[in-house]
Amino acid sequence: MEKTALGLLDLRGSPGPYEYETKLSPIDMLTGDDRARHAVDKGLDKTTLDDISRIDLDRWTEKASPYRLYPAPTFKG
């Protein structure tokens, strides 16, 4: 986990472009938006990281559905 986190922190300062993307920074692409980058810039704490990393699975599944090649999996908790 630490190596992954340090790798993301290293990407934070990389302005891009990254492969095919010319507008978003690499860390914003990997995390989905700019919240993680801004949290790190402000002195990331565990609570903030936990809040950023949570996703609304139902909302994400609905948003991703037009792009799926196969039906969405059924998640049972």
Protein backbone atom coordinates (compact mmCIF):
# COMPACT_ATOMS: atom_id res chain seq x y z
CA MET A 1 0.00 0.00 0.00
CA GLU A 2 2.75 2.46 0.90
CA LYS A 3 4.48 2.10 -2.48
CA THR A 4 1.19 2.70 -4.29
CA ALA A 5 0.42 5.76 -2.17
CA LEU A 6 3.90 7.15 -2.73
CA GLY A 7 3.54 6.55 -6.45
CA LEU A 8 0.29 8.53 -6.49
CA LEU A 9 1.90 11.32 -4.52
CA ASP A 10 4.71 11.40 -7.07
CA LEU A 11 2.15 11.77 -9.88
CA ARG A 12 0.55 14.68 -8.06
CA GLY A 13 3.15 17.09 -9.37
CA SER A 14 3.11 15.76 -12.92
CA PRO A 15 1.09 18.19 -15.04
CA GLY A 16 0.71 15.86 -18.01
CA PRO A 17 0.02 15.22 -20.75
CA TYR A 18 -0.38 11.56 -19.89
CA GLU A 19 -0.68 9.20 -22.85
CA TYR A 20 -3.79 10.30 -24.77
CA GLU A 21 -5.12 12.80 -22.22
CA THR A 22 -3.96 16.40 -22.54
CA LYS A 23 -6.27 18.25 -20.10
CA LEU A 24 -6.35 16.18 -16.90
CA SER A 25 -3.35 15.55 -14.69
CA PRO A 26 -2.28 11.90 -14.29
CA ILE A 27 -3.38 11.70 -10.64
CA ASP A 28 -6.79 13.16 -11.50
CA MET A 29 -7.22 10.51 -14.19
CA LEU A 30 -6.28 7.68 -11.83
CA THR A 31 -8.45 8.85 -8.95
CA GLY A 32 -11.42 10.02 -11.02
CA ASP A 33 -11.38 13.70 -10.12
CA ASP A 34 -9.26 16.37 -8.45
CA ARG A 35 -10.32 15.72 -4.82
CA ALA A 36 -7.36 13.45 -3.98
CA ARG A 37 -4.84 15.92 -5.41
CA HIS A 38 -6.35 18.82 -3.49
CA ALA A 39 -6.48 16.76 -0.28
CA VAL A 40 -2.79 15.90 -0.62
CA ASP A 41 -1.94 19.54 -1.28
CA LYS A 42 -3.78 20.51 1.93
CA GLY A 43 -2.06 17.86 4.08
CA LEU A 44 -3.93 14.62 3.50
CA ASP A 45 -5.16 12.81 6.60
CA LYS A 46 -6.62 9.31 6.91
CA THR A 47 -10.22 10.49 7.30
CA THR A 48 -10.01 12.60 4.15
CA LEU A 49 -8.45 9.75 2.19
CA ASP A 50 -11.17 7.36 3.39
CA ASP A 51 -13.90 9.83 2.37
CA ILE A 52 -12.36 10.35 -1.07
CA SER A 53 -11.92 6.64 -1.71
CA ARG A 54 -15.54 5.72 -1.00
CA ILE A 55 -17.75 5.38 -4.04
CA ASP A 56 -21.48 5.15 -4.44
CA LEU A 57 -21.53 1.79 -6.19
CA ASP A 58 -25.11 2.12 -7.46
CA ARG A 59 -24.42 5.58 -8.92
CA TRP A 60 -21.18 4.39 -10.52
CA THR A 61 -22.86 1.30 -12.01
CA GLU A 62 -25.63 3.46 -13.50
CA LYS A 63 -23.15 6.01 -14.86
CA ALA A 64 -20.96 3.30 -16.42
CA SER A 65 -23.83 1.27 -17.91
CA PRO A 66 -23.84 2.93 -21.37
CA TYR A 67 -20.20 1.91 -21.82
CA ARG A 68 -20.43 -1.72 -20.71
CA LEU A 69 -19.92 -4.51 -23.20
CA TYR A 70 -21.55 -7.01 -20.83
CA PRO A 71 -24.30 -6.73 -18.23
CA ALA A 72 -23.31 -5.24 -14.90
CA PRO A 73 -22.45 -7.79 -12.22
CA THR A 74 -24.83 -8.24 -9.34
CA PHE A 75 -23.23 -7.24 -6.06
CA LYS A 76 -24.48 -9.05 -3.00
CA GLY A 77 -23.43 -7.75 0.38
